[in-house]
PDB file of N, CA and C in Angstrom:
ATOM      1  N   MET A   1     106.781 -81.095  23.482  1.00  0.00           N
ATOM      2  CA  MET A   1     107.556 -81.373  22.346  1.00  0.00           C
ATOM      3  C   MET A   1     107.081 -80.497  20.993  1.00  0.00           C
ATOM      4  N   SER A   2     108.278 -80.310  20.339  1.00  0.00           N
ATOM      5  CA  SER A   2     107.852 -79.313  19.097  1.00  0.00           C
ATOM      6  C   SER A   2     106.928 -80.121  17.972  1.00  0.00           C
ATOM      7  N   SER A   3     106.172 -79.113  17.291  1.00  0.00           N
ATOM      8  CA  SER A   3     105.373 -79.643  16.329  1.00  0.00           C
ATOM      9  C   SER A   3     106.029 -80.911  15.458  1.00  0.00           C
ATOM     10  N   ILE A   4     107.380 -80.253  15.006  1.00  0.00           N
ATOM     11  CA  ILE A   4     108.153 -81.346  14.080  1.00  0.00           C
ATOM     12  C   ILE A   4     108.040 -82.524  14.704  1.00  0.00           C
ATOM     13  N   LYS A   5     108.652 -82.738  16.016  1.00  0.00           N
ATOM     14  CA  LYS A   5     108.721 -84.000  16.573  1.00  0.00           C
ATOM     15  C   LYS A   5     107.335 -84.669  16.672  1.00  0.00           C
ATOM     16  N   THR A   6     106.204 -84.143  17.239  1.00  0.00           N
ATOM     17  CA  THR A   6     104.792 -84.429  17.088  1.00  0.00           C
ATOM     18  C   THR A   6     104.368 -84.951  16.049  1.00  0.00           C
ATOM     19  N   ASP A   7     104.793 -84.105  14.830  1.00  0.00           N
ATOM     20  CA  ASP A   7     104.099 -84.768  13.794  1.00  0.00           C
ATOM     21  C   ASP A   7     104.940 -86.274  13.166  1.00  0.00           C
ATOM     22  N   ARG A   8     105.986 -86.275  13.465  1.00  0.00           N
ATOM     23  CA  ARG A   8     106.796 -87.606  13.323  1.00  0.00           C
ATOM     24  C   ARG A   8     105.953 -88.784  13.983  1.00  0.00           C
ATOM     25  N   PHE A   9     105.781 -88.422  15.398  1.00  0.00           N
ATOM     26  CA  PHE A   9     104.857 -89.397  16.359  1.00  0.00           C
ATOM     27  C   PHE A   9     103.562 -89.449  15.952  1.00  0.00           C
ATOM     28  N   ARG A  10     102.784 -88.681  15.529  1.00  0.00           N
ATOM     29  CA  ARG A  10     101.160 -88.590  14.914  1.00  0.00           C
ATOM     30  C   ARG A  10     101.348 -89.559  13.738  1.00  0.00           C
ATOM     31  N   GLU A  11     102.325 -89.454  13.063  1.00  0.00           N
ATOM     32  CA  GLU A  11     102.365 -90.435  11.449  1.00  0.00           C
ATOM     33  C   GLU A  11     102.531 -91.664  11.889  1.00  0.00           C
ATOM     34  N   ALA A  12     103.648 -91.996  12.989  1.00  0.00           N
ATOM     35  CA  ALA A  12     103.807 -93.181  13.625  1.00  0.00           C
ATOM     36  C   ALA A  12     102.393 -94.222  14.229  1.00  0.00           C
ATOM     37  N   LEU A  13     101.832 -93.112  14.883  1.00  0.00           N
ATOM     38  CA  LEU A  13     100.651 -93.498  15.903  1.00  0.00           C
ATOM     39  C   LEU A  13      99.528 -93.887  14.907  1.00  0.00           C
ATOM     40  N   LEU A  14      99.336 -93.036  13.654  1.00  0.00           N
ATOM     41  CA  LEU A  14      98.366 -93.278  12.812  1.00  0.00           C
ATOM     42  C   LEU A  14      98.524 -94.691  12.110  1.00  0.00           C
ATOM     43  N   ALA A  15      99.727 -94.702  11.673  1.00  0.00           N
ATOM     44  CA  ALA A  15     100.250 -96.124  10.790  1.00  0.00           C
ATOM     45  C   ALA A  15      99.899 -97.114  11.905  1.00  0.00           C
ATOM     46  N   GLU A  16     100.204 -97.080  13.069  1.00  0.00           N
ATOM     47  CA  GLU A  16     100.258 -98.193  14.061  1.00  0.00           C
ATOM     48  C   GLU A  16      98.721 -98.466  14.177  1.00  0.00           C
ATOM     49  N   ARG A  17      97.816 -97.378  14.166  1.00  0.00           N
ATOM     50  CA  ARG A  17      96.541 -97.604  14.656  1.00  0.00           C
ATOM     51  C   ARG A  17      96.018 -98.109  13.528  1.00  0.00           C
ATOM     52  N   GLN A  18      96.337 -98.163  12.254  1.00  0.00           N
ATOM     53  CA  GLN A  18      95.621 -98.747  10.919  1.00  0.00           C
ATOM     54  C   GLN A  18      95.922-100.145  10.927  1.00  0.00           C
ATOM     55  N   ARG A  19      97.332-100.551  11.244  1.00  0.00           N
ATOM     56  CA  ARG A  19      97.735-101.899  11.493  1.00  0.00           C
ATOM     57  C   ARG A  19      97.036-102.629  12.453  1.00  0.00           C
ATOM     58  N   VAL A  20      96.890-102.033  13.685  1.00  0.00           N
ATOM     59  CA  VAL A  20      96.018-102.601  14.791  1.00  0.00           C
ATOM     60  C   VAL A  20      94.467-102.893  14.295  1.00  0.00           C
ATOM     61  N   ALA A  21      94.097-101.751  13.589  1.00  0.00           N
ATOM     62  CA  ALA A  21      92.529-102.002  13.299  1.00  0.00           C
ATOM     63  C   ALA A  21      92.512-102.890  12.125  1.00  0.00           C
ATOM     64  N   ASP A  22      93.199-103.138  11.241  1.00  0.00           N
ATOM     65  CA  ASP A  22      93.153-104.201  10.468  1.00  0.00           C
ATOM     66  C   ASP A  22      93.773-105.559  11.146  1.00  0.00           C
ATOM     67  N   ALA A  23      93.991-105.522  12.039  1.00  0.00           N
ATOM     68  CA  ALA A  23      94.458-107.069  12.773  1.00  0.00           C
ATOM     69  C   ALA A  23      93.004-107.284  13.386  1.00  0.00           C
ATOM     70  N   ILE A  24      92.424-106.407  13.799  1.00  0.00           N
ATOM     71  CA  ILE A  24      91.128-106.591  14.721  1.00  0.00           C
ATOM     72  C   ILE A  24      90.021-107.153  13.661  1.00  0.00           C
ATOM     73  N   GLU A  25      90.011-106.228  12.459  1.00  0.00           N
ATOM     74  CA  GLU A  25      89.156-106.829  11.771  1.00  0.00           C
ATOM     75  C   GLU A  25      89.260-108.085  11.215  1.00  0.00           C
ATOM     76  N   TYR A  26      90.739-108.580  10.775  1.00  0.00           N
ATOM     77  CA  TYR A  26      90.880-109.871  10.426  1.00  0.00           C
ATOM     78  C   TYR A  26      90.546-111.109  11.302  1.00  0.00           C
ATOM     79  N   LEU A  27      90.883-110.586  12.750  1.00  0.00           N
ATOM     80  CA  LEU A  27      90.340-111.674  13.729  1.00  0.00           C
ATOM     81  C   LEU A  27      88.736-111.848  13.865  1.00  0.00           C
ATOM     82  N   HIS A  28      88.219-110.702  13.455  1.00  0.00           N
ATOM     83  CA  HIS A  28      86.583-110.602  13.414  1.00  0.00           C
ATOM     84  C   HIS A  28      86.283-111.372  12.485  1.00  0.00           C
ATOM     85  N   GLU A  29      86.845-111.346  11.195  1.00  0.00           N
ATOM     86  CA  GLU A  29      86.337-112.206   9.888  1.00  0.00           C
ATOM     87  C   GLU A  29      86.793-113.463  10.168  1.00  0.00           C
ATOM     88  N   GLU A  30      87.876-113.919  10.616  1.00  0.00           N
ATOM     89  CA  GLU A  30      88.266-115.160  10.982  1.00  0.00           C
ATOM     90  C   GLU A  30      87.504-116.070  11.910  1.00  0.00           C
ATOM     91  N   ASN A  31      86.854-115.331  12.703  1.00  0.00           N
ATOM     92  CA  ASN A  31      86.122-115.845  14.021  1.00  0.00           C
ATOM     93  C   ASN A  31      84.850-115.062  14.348  1.00  0.00           C
ATOM     94  N   PRO A  32      83.937-115.161  13.494  1.00  0.00           N
ATOM     95  CA  PRO A  32      82.627-114.394  13.646  1.00  0.00           C
ATOM     96  C   PRO A  32      81.990-114.823  14.833  1.00  0.00           C
ATOM     97  N   GLY A  33      81.963-115.903  15.305  1.00  0.00           N
ATOM     98  CA  GLY A  33      81.546-116.320  16.594  1.00  0.00           C
ATOM     99  C   GLY A  33      82.116-115.780  17.965  1.00  0.00           C
ATOM    100  N   SER A  34      81.362-116.278  19.126  1.00  0.00           N
ATOM    101  CA  SER A  34      82.134-115.941  20.155  1.00  0.00           C
ATOM    102  C   SER A  34      82.775-117.436  20.513  1.00  0.00           C
ATOM    103  N   PRO A  35      84.047-116.944  21.799  1.00  0.00           N
ATOM    104  CA  PRO A  35      84.632-118.058  22.199  1.00  0.00           C
ATOM    105  C   PRO A  35      83.971-119.227  22.612  1.00  0.00           C
ATOM    106  N   ASP A  36      82.951-119.054  23.242  1.00  0.00           N
ATOM    107  CA  ASP A  36      81.966-120.010  23.950  1.00  0.00           C
ATOM    108  C   ASP A  36      81.001-120.755  23.077  1.00  0.00           C
ATOM    109  N   ALA A  37      80.998-120.379  21.987  1.00  0.00           N
ATOM    110  CA  ALA A  37      80.150-120.875  20.865  1.00  0.00           C
ATOM    111  C   ALA A  37      80.194-122.457  20.613  1.00  0.00           C
ATOM    112  N   SER A  38      80.041-123.338  21.709  1.00  0.00           N
ATOM    113  CA  SER A  38      80.193-124.858  21.446  1.00  0.00           C
ATOM    114  C   SER A  38      79.309-125.462  20.357  1.00  0.00           C
ATOM    115  N   ASP A  39      78.247-124.724  20.304  1.00  0.00           N
ATOM    116  CA  ASP A  39      77.134-125.349  19.593  1.00  0.00           C
ATOM    117  C   ASP A  39      77.739-125.371  17.995  1.00  0.00           C
ATOM    118  N   GLU A  40      78.553-124.778  17.644  1.00  0.00           N
ATOM    119  CA  GLU A  40      79.411-124.925  16.282  1.00  0.00           C
ATOM    120  C   GLU A  40      80.236-126.243  16.192  1.00  0.00           C
ATOM    121  N   MET A  41      80.840-126.599  17.359  1.00  0.00           N
ATOM    122  CA  MET A  41      81.569-128.022  17.018  1.00  0.00           C
ATOM    123  C   MET A  41      80.795-129.072  16.942  1.00  0.00           C
ATOM    124  N   PRO A  42      81.168-129.862  15.964  1.00  0.00           N
ATOM    125  CA  PRO A  42      80.593-131.105  15.712  1.00  0.00           C
ATOM    126  C   PRO A  42      80.701-132.167  16.875  1.00  0.00           C
ATOM    127  N   LEU A  43      79.722-132.774  17.203  1.00  0.00           N
ATOM    128  CA  LEU A  43      79.626-133.678  18.455  1.00  0.00           C
ATOM    129  C   LEU A  43      80.372-134.904  18.244  1.00  0.00           C
ATOM    130  N   ASP A  44      80.830-135.460  17.048  1.00  0.00           N
ATOM    131  CA  ASP A  44      81.522-136.388  16.696  1.00  0.00           C
ATOM    132  C   ASP A  44      83.100-136.176  16.779  1.00  0.00           C
ATOM    133  N   ASN A  45      83.480-135.165  17.007  1.00  0.00           N
ATOM    134  CA  ASN A  45      84.847-134.593  17.194  1.00  0.00           C
ATOM    135  C   ASN A  45      85.692-135.256  18.401  1.00  0.00           C
ATOM    136  N   HIS A  46      86.860-135.467  18.334  1.00  0.00           N
ATOM    137  CA  HIS A  46      87.532-136.162  19.196  1.00  0.00           C
ATOM    138  C   HIS A  46      87.726-134.915  20.365  1.00  0.00           C
ATOM    139  N   LEU A  47      87.708-135.446  21.790  1.00  0.00           N
ATOM    140  CA  LEU A  47      87.870-134.440  22.675  1.00  0.00           C
ATOM    141  C   LEU A  47      89.059-133.490  22.513  1.00  0.00           C
ATOM    142  N   ALA A  48      90.101-134.106  22.132  1.00  0.00           N
ATOM    143  CA  ALA A  48      91.576-133.305  22.090  1.00  0.00           C
ATOM    144  C   ALA A  48      91.106-132.161  20.902  1.00  0.00           C
ATOM    145  N   GLU A  49      90.227-132.729  19.693  1.00  0.00           N
ATOM    146  CA  GLU A  49      90.045-131.606  18.571  1.00  0.00           C
ATOM    147  C   GLU A  49      89.335-130.494  19.335  1.00  0.00           C
ATOM    148  N   ASN A  50      88.032-131.006  19.916  1.00  0.00           N
ATOM    149  CA  ASN A  50      87.293-129.649  20.510  1.00  0.00           C
ATOM    150  C   ASN A  50      88.104-129.020  21.454  1.00  0.00           C
ATOM    151  N   ALA A  51      89.378-129.347  22.234  1.00  0.00           N
ATOM    152  CA  ALA A  51      89.943-128.443  23.025  1.00  0.00           C
ATOM    153  C   ALA A  51      90.785-127.674  22.184  1.00  0.00           C
ATOM    154  N   SER A  52      91.277-128.055  21.107  1.00  0.00           N
ATOM    155  CA  SER A  52      92.165-127.184  20.200  1.00  0.00           C
ATOM    156  C   SER A  52      91.271-126.030  19.491  1.00  0.00           C
ATOM    157  N   ILE A  53      89.981-126.295  19.361  1.00  0.00           N
ATOM    158  CA  ILE A  53      89.213-125.465  18.642  1.00  0.00           C
ATOM    159  C   ILE A  53      88.875-124.568  19.684  1.00  0.00           C
ATOM    160  N   THR A  54      88.603-124.746  20.843  1.00  0.00           N
ATOM    161  CA  THR A  54      88.149-123.890  21.964  1.00  0.00           C
ATOM    162  C   THR A  54      89.477-122.914  22.471  1.00  0.00           C
ATOM    163  N   LEU A  55      90.735-123.650  22.364  1.00  0.00           N
ATOM    164  CA  LEU A  55      91.935-122.696  22.504  1.00  0.00           C
ATOM    165  C   LEU A  55      92.135-121.861  21.512  1.00  0.00           C
ATOM    166  N   ASP A  56      91.884-122.119  20.331  1.00  0.00           N
ATOM    167  CA  ASP A  56      92.158-121.354  19.380  1.00  0.00           C
ATOM    168  C   ASP A  56      91.160-120.087  19.563  1.00  0.00           C
ATOM    169  N   ARG A  57      90.056-120.201  19.698  1.00  0.00           N
ATOM    170  CA  ARG A  57      89.027-119.227  19.901  1.00  0.00           C
ATOM    171  C   ARG A  57      89.356-118.431  21.100  1.00  0.00           C
ATOM    172  N   GLU A  58      89.745-118.912  22.197  1.00  0.00           N
ATOM    173  CA  GLU A  58      90.206-118.177  23.278  1.00  0.00           C
ATOM    174  C   GLU A  58      91.316-117.146  23.048  1.00  0.00           C
ATOM    175  N   LEU A  59      92.300-117.822  22.096  1.00  0.00           N
ATOM    176  CA  LEU A  59      93.344-117.036  21.834  1.00  0.00           C
ATOM    177  C   LEU A  59      93.269-115.809  21.021  1.00  0.00           C
ATOM    178  N   ASP A  60      92.211-116.217  20.053  1.00  0.00           N
ATOM    179  CA  ASP A  60      91.781-115.039  19.249  1.00  0.00           C
ATOM    180  C   ASP A  60      91.078-114.060  19.724  1.00  0.00           C
ATOM    181  N   SER A  61      90.272-114.544  21.099  1.00  0.00           N
ATOM    182  CA  SER A  61      89.517-113.506  21.605  1.00  0.00           C
ATOM    183  C   SER A  61      90.509-112.805  22.479  1.00  0.00           C
ATOM    184  N   THR A  62      91.339-113.022  23.224  1.00  0.00           N
ATOM    185  CA  THR A  62      92.385-112.529  23.990  1.00  0.00           C
ATOM    186  C   THR A  62      93.325-111.686  23.101  1.00  0.00           C
ATOM    187  N   LEU A  63      93.672-112.089  21.996  1.00  0.00           N
ATOM    188  CA  LEU A  63      94.453-111.056  20.731  1.00  0.00           C
ATOM    189  C   LEU A  63      93.400-109.950  20.841  1.00  0.00           C
ATOM    190  N   GLY A  64      92.203-110.235  20.426  1.00  0.00           N
ATOM    191  CA  GLY A  64      91.107-109.233  19.852  1.00  0.00           C
ATOM    192  C   GLY A  64      91.336-108.231  21.180  1.00  0.00           C
ATOM    193  N   GLU A  65      90.916-108.632  22.257  1.00  0.00           N
ATOM    194  CA  GLU A  65      90.876-107.611  23.444  1.00  0.00           C
ATOM    195  C   GLU A  65      92.065-106.841  23.772  1.00  0.00           C
ATOM    196  N   ASN A  66      93.160-107.384  23.476  1.00  0.00           N
ATOM    197  CA  ASN A  66      94.554-106.784  23.603  1.00  0.00           C
ATOM    198  C   ASN A  66      94.535-105.666  22.425  1.00  0.00           C
ATOM    199  N   SER A  67      94.164-105.963  21.242  1.00  0.00           N
ATOM    200  CA  SER A  67      94.454-105.044  20.166  1.00  0.00           C
ATOM    201  C   SER A  67      93.371-103.912  20.470  1.00  0.00           C
ATOM    202  N   GLU A  68      92.245-104.423  21.001  1.00  0.00           N
ATOM    203  CA  GLU A  68      91.386-102.998  21.429  1.00  0.00           C
ATOM    204  C   GLU A  68      91.956-102.367  22.133  1.00  0.00           C
ATOM    205  N   HIS A  69      92.613-102.727  23.268  1.00  0.00           N
ATOM    206  CA  HIS A  69      93.369-102.053  24.421  1.00  0.00           C
ATOM    207  C   HIS A  69      94.382-101.172  23.665  1.00  0.00           C
ATOM    208  N   VAL A  70      95.063-101.622  22.933  1.00  0.00           N
ATOM    209  CA  VAL A  70      96.113-100.767  22.249  1.00  0.00           C
ATOM    210  C   VAL A  70      95.750 -99.802  21.522  1.00  0.00           C
ATOM    211  N   LEU A  71      94.470-100.185  20.608  1.00  0.00           N
ATOM    212  CA  LEU A  71      93.801 -99.054  19.828  1.00  0.00           C
ATOM    213  C   LEU A  71      93.281 -97.949  20.759  1.00  0.00           C
ATOM    214  N   ALA A  72      92.675 -98.290  21.969  1.00  0.00           N
ATOM    215  CA  ALA A  72      92.283 -97.082  22.807  1.00  0.00           C
ATOM    216  C   ALA A  72      93.368 -96.152  23.256  1.00  0.00           C
ATOM    217  N   GLU A  73      94.531 -96.880  23.597  1.00  0.00           N
ATOM    218  CA  GLU A  73      95.891 -95.937  24.106  1.00  0.00           C
ATOM    219  C   GLU A  73      96.073 -95.201  22.844  1.00  0.00           C
ATOM    220  N   ILE A  74      96.153 -95.626  21.687  1.00  0.00           N
ATOM    221  CA  ILE A  74      96.608 -94.853  20.597  1.00  0.00           C
ATOM    222  C   ILE A  74      95.638 -93.921  20.269  1.00  0.00           C
ATOM    223  N   ASP A  75      94.578 -93.840  20.276  1.00  0.00           N
ATOM    224  CA  ASP A  75      93.734 -92.900  20.142  1.00  0.00           C
ATOM    225  C   ASP A  75      93.922 -91.785  21.440  1.00  0.00           C
ATOM    226  N   ALA A  76      94.261 -92.039  22.638  1.00  0.00           N
ATOM    227  CA  ALA A  76      94.466 -91.362  23.769  1.00  0.00           C
ATOM    228  C   ALA A  76      95.742 -90.606  23.470  1.00  0.00           C
ATOM    229  N   ALA A  77      96.760 -91.252  22.858  1.00  0.00           N
ATOM    230  CA  ALA A  77      98.019 -90.545  22.596  1.00  0.00           C
ATOM    231  C   ALA A  77      97.800 -89.375  21.401  1.00  0.00           C
ATOM    232  N   LEU A  78      96.960 -89.867  20.553  1.00  0.00           N
ATOM    233  CA  LEU A  78      96.582 -88.819  19.394  1.00  0.00           C
ATOM    234  C   LEU A  78      95.759 -87.843  20.012  1.00  0.00           C
ATOM    235  N   VAL A  79      95.004 -87.926  20.936  1.00  0.00           N
ATOM    236  CA  VAL A  79      94.317 -86.634  21.653  1.00  0.00           C
ATOM    237  C   VAL A  79      95.284 -86.090  22.435  1.00  0.00           C
ATOM    238  N   ARG A  80      96.551 -86.649  23.075  1.00  0.00           N
ATOM    239  CA  ARG A  80      97.207 -85.771  23.765  1.00  0.00           C
ATOM    240  C   ARG A  80      98.147 -84.890  23.115  1.00  0.00           C
ATOM    241  N   ILE A  81      98.670 -85.564  21.565  1.00  0.00           N
ATOM    242  CA  ILE A  81      99.100 -84.728  20.613  1.00  0.00           C
ATOM    243  C   ILE A  81      98.267 -83.128  20.558  1.00  0.00           C
ATOM    244  N   GLU A  82      97.171 -83.536  20.183  1.00  0.00           N
ATOM    245  CA  GLU A  82      96.227 -82.130  19.798  1.00  0.00           C
ATOM    246  C   GLU A  82      96.406 -81.261  21.063  1.00  0.00           C
ATOM    247  N   SER A  83      96.042 -81.852  22.185  1.00  0.00           N
ATOM    248  CA  SER A  83      96.241 -81.008  23.359  1.00  0.00           C
ATOM    249  C   SER A  83      97.494 -80.419  23.992  1.00  0.00           C
ATOM    250  N   SER A  84      98.291 -80.840  23.271  1.00  0.00           N
ATOM    251  CA  SER A  84      99.858 -80.446  23.616  1.00  0.00           C
ATOM    252  C   SER A  84     100.439 -81.259  25.011  1.00  0.00           C
ATOM    253  N   ALA A  85      99.933 -82.241  25.205  1.00  0.00           N
ATOM    254  CA  ALA A  85      99.950 -82.959  26.587  1.00  0.00           C
ATOM    255  C   ALA A  85     100.932 -84.291  26.258  1.00  0.00           C
ATOM    256  N   TYR A  86     101.081 -84.392  24.903  1.00  0.00           N
ATOM    257  CA  TYR A  86     102.087 -85.375  24.394  1.00  0.00           C
ATOM    258  C   TYR A  86     103.513 -85.447  24.903  1.00  0.00           C
ATOM    259  N   GLY A  87     103.883 -86.617  25.294  1.00  0.00           N
ATOM    260  CA  GLY A  87     105.570 -86.826  25.822  1.00  0.00           C
ATOM    261  C   GLY A  87     105.541 -86.358  27.058  1.00  0.00           C
ATOM    262  N   ILE A  88     104.608 -86.060  27.980  1.00  0.00           N
ATOM    263  CA  ILE A  88     104.529 -85.560  29.265  1.00  0.00           C
ATOM    264  C   ILE A  88     104.222 -86.981  30.200  1.00  0.00           C
ATOM    265  N   CYS A  89     105.063 -87.150  31.206  1.00  0.00           N
ATOM    266  CA  CYS A  89     104.500 -88.286  32.164  1.00  0.00           C
ATOM    267  C   CYS A  89     103.312 -87.768  32.872  1.00  0.00           C
ATOM    268  N   GLU A  90     102.273 -88.582  32.836  1.00  0.00           N
ATOM    269  CA  GLU A  90     101.110 -88.536  33.397  1.00  0.00           C
ATOM    270  C   GLU A  90     101.361 -88.650  35.241  1.00  0.00           C
ATOM    271  N   THR A  91     102.380 -89.220  35.499  1.00  0.00           N
ATOM    272  CA  THR A  91     102.706 -89.469  37.041  1.00  0.00           C
ATOM    273  C   THR A  91     103.651 -88.192  37.415  1.00  0.00           C
ATOM    274  N   CYS A  92     104.415 -87.981  36.741  1.00  0.00           N
ATOM    275  CA  CYS A  92     105.484 -87.137  37.456  1.00  0.00           C
ATOM    276  C   CYS A  92     105.467 -85.703  36.717  1.00  0.00           C
ATOM    277  N   GLY A  93     104.951 -85.701  35.557  1.00  0.00           N
ATOM    278  CA  GLY A  93     105.066 -84.348  34.934  1.00  0.00           C
ATOM    279  C   GLY A  93     106.293 -84.210  33.896  1.00  0.00           C
ATOM    280  N   LYS A  94     107.088 -84.943  34.277  1.00  0.00           N
ATOM    281  CA  LYS A  94     108.541 -84.685  33.549  1.00  0.00           C
ATOM    282  C   LYS A  94     108.377 -84.890  31.826  1.00  0.00           C
ATOM    283  N   PRO A  95     109.185 -84.800  31.190  1.00  0.00           N
ATOM    284  CA  PRO A  95     109.183 -85.317  29.817  1.00  0.00           C
ATOM    285  C   PRO A  95     109.616 -86.849  29.547  1.00  0.00           C
ATOM    286  N   ILE A  96     108.666 -87.424  28.979  1.00  0.00           N
ATOM    287  CA  ILE A  96     108.786 -88.877  28.373  1.00  0.00           C
ATOM    288  C   ILE A  96     110.111 -88.996  27.488  1.00  0.00           C
ATOM    289  N   GLY A  97     111.111 -89.797  27.723  1.00  0.00           N
ATOM    290  CA  GLY A  97     112.361 -89.757  26.897  1.00  0.00           C
ATOM    291  C   GLY A  97     111.575 -90.143  25.381  1.00  0.00           C
ATOM    292  N   GLU A  98     112.369 -89.237  24.545  1.00  0.00           N
ATOM    293  CA  GLU A  98     112.241 -89.658  23.128  1.00  0.00           C
ATOM    294  C   GLU A  98     112.315 -91.305  22.610  1.00  0.00           C
ATOM    295  N   GLU A  99     113.568 -91.854  23.519  1.00  0.00           N
ATOM    296  CA  GLU A  99     113.778 -93.209  22.884  1.00  0.00           C
ATOM    297  C   GLU A  99     112.429 -93.959  23.252  1.00  0.00           C
ATOM    298  N   ARG A 100     112.000 -94.099  24.417  1.00  0.00           N
ATOM    299  CA  ARG A 100     110.753 -94.678  24.846  1.00  0.00           C
ATOM    300  C   ARG A 100     109.488 -94.179  24.008  1.00  0.00           C
ATOM    301  N   LEU A 101     109.493 -93.266  23.561  1.00  0.00           N
ATOM    302  CA  LEU A 101     108.188 -92.792  22.723  1.00  0.00           C
ATOM    303  C   LEU A 101     108.542 -93.347  21.384  1.00  0.00           C
ATOM    304  N   GLU A 102     109.695 -93.642  20.845  1.00  0.00           N
ATOM    305  CA  GLU A 102     110.064 -94.110  19.438  1.00  0.00           C
ATOM    306  C   GLU A 102     109.719 -95.734  20.044  1.00  0.00           C
ATOM    307  N   ALA A 103     109.756 -96.238  21.044  1.00  0.00           N
ATOM    308  CA  ALA A 103     109.568 -97.769  20.985  1.00  0.00           C
ATOM    309  C   ALA A 103     108.021 -97.941  21.317  1.00  0.00           C
ATOM    310  N   ILE A 104     107.531 -97.040  22.064  1.00  0.00           N
ATOM    311  CA  ILE A 104     106.052 -97.316  22.447  1.00  0.00           C
ATOM    312  C   ILE A 104     105.447 -95.573  22.469  1.00  0.00           C
ATOM    313  N   PRO A 105     105.201 -95.418  21.283  1.00  0.00           N
ATOM    314  CA  PRO A 105     104.486 -93.983  21.036  1.00  0.00           C
ATOM    315  C   PRO A 105     103.342 -93.616  21.923  1.00  0.00           C
ATOM    316  N   TRP A 106     102.716 -94.611  22.282  1.00  0.00           N
ATOM    317  CA  TRP A 106     101.459 -94.357  23.205  1.00  0.00           C
ATOM    318  C   TRP A 106     101.796 -94.329  24.689  1.00  0.00           C
ATOM    319  N   ALA A 107     102.979 -94.312  25.090  1.00  0.00           N
ATOM    320  CA  ALA A 107     103.443 -94.287  26.565  1.00  0.00           C
ATOM    321  C   ALA A 107     102.819 -93.023  27.049  1.00  0.00           C
ATOM    322  N   THR A 108     102.623 -93.399  28.590  1.00  0.00           N
ATOM    323  CA  THR A 108     101.825 -92.336  29.500  1.00  0.00           C
ATOM    324  C   THR A 108     102.844 -92.058  30.505  1.00  0.00           C
ATOM    325  N   GLN A 109     103.926 -92.857  30.618  1.00  0.00           N
ATOM    326  CA  GLN A 109     104.622 -92.601  31.731  1.00  0.00           C
ATOM    327  C   GLN A 109     106.198 -92.552  31.358  1.00  0.00           C
ATOM    328  N   CYS A 110     107.088 -91.946  31.922  1.00  0.00           N
ATOM    329  CA  CYS A 110     108.529 -91.987  31.613  1.00  0.00           C
ATOM    330  C   CYS A 110     108.824 -93.451  32.239  1.00  0.00           C
ATOM    331  N   ILE A 111     110.006 -93.708  32.130  1.00  0.00           N
ATOM    332  CA  ILE A 111     110.837 -94.874  32.247  1.00  0.00           C
ATOM    333  C   ILE A 111     110.901 -95.414  33.651  1.00  0.00           C
ATOM    334  N   GLU A 112     111.113 -94.196  34.315  1.00  0.00           N
ATOM    335  CA  GLU A 112     111.275 -94.249  35.853  1.00  0.00           C
ATOM    336  C   GLU A 112     110.026 -94.460  36.513  1.00  0.00           C
ATOM    337  N   CYS A 113     109.066 -93.772  36.064  1.00  0.00           N
ATOM    338  CA  CYS A 113     107.718 -93.878  36.719  1.00  0.00           C
ATOM    339  C   CYS A 113     106.909 -95.332  36.372  1.00  0.00           C
ATOM    340  N   LYS A 114     107.352 -95.756  34.989  1.00  0.00           N
ATOM    341  CA  LYS A 114     106.966 -97.083  34.941  1.00  0.00           C
ATOM    342  C   LYS A 114     107.340 -98.233  35.266  1.00  0.00           C
ATOM    343  N   ARG A 115     108.875 -98.004  35.844  1.00  0.00           N
ATOM    344  CA  ARG A 115     109.560 -98.975  36.331  1.00  0.00           C
ATOM    345  C   ARG A 115     109.055 -99.077  38.047  1.00  0.00           C
ATOM    346  N   ARG A 116     108.826 -98.015  38.260  1.00  0.00           N
ATOM    347  CA  ARG A 116     108.174 -98.002  39.934  1.00  0.00           C
ATOM    348  C   ARG A 116     106.844 -98.458  40.242  1.00  0.00           C
ATOM    349  N   ALA A 117     106.111 -98.178  38.919  1.00  0.00           N
ATOM    350  CA  ALA A 117     104.798 -98.858  38.825  1.00  0.00           C
ATOM    351  C   ALA A 117     104.763-100.452  38.847  1.00  0.00           C
ATOM    352  N   GLU A 118     105.425-100.794  37.963  1.00  0.00           N
ATOM    353  CA  GLU A 118     105.463-102.313  37.635  1.00  0.00           C
ATOM    354  C   GLU A 118     106.224-102.930  38.708  1.00  0.00           C
ATOM    355  N   ARG A 119     106.718-102.299  39.765  1.00  0.00           N
ATOM    356  CA  ARG A 119     107.662-103.013  40.941  1.00  0.00           C
ATOM    357  C   ARG A 119     106.371-103.080  42.007  1.00  0.00           C
ATOM    358  N   ALA A 120     105.769-102.146  42.065  1.00  0.00           N
ATOM    359  CA  ALA A 120     104.593-101.672  43.221  1.00  0.00           C
ATOM    360  C   ALA A 120     103.496-103.002  43.243  1.00  0.00           C
TER     361      ALA A 120
END
């Protein structure tokens, strides 16, 4: 890709990286304990309340893990931009469509290879 196009994607990736990092920080601030920290739950709570608290913690944990994964993918995409490998499918070596990169700027596969991988 030309430097003009990669500059646009670099900016989009950096903005998304900041958004994801902020979301991770928020999750950590809201839930500093681990999802299985049952000692924080009062013993006199109703069973359903305890289940609700546990579910909330599990959801936050899952969201945090997913966000960490996306952050790693964004960082890898930024490295690919610097090494001039950005926008090239890691499976077939063909260019990844610009529409796909606009939708998912950290994509590593062209749409055809991604579809094949999902069917397998």
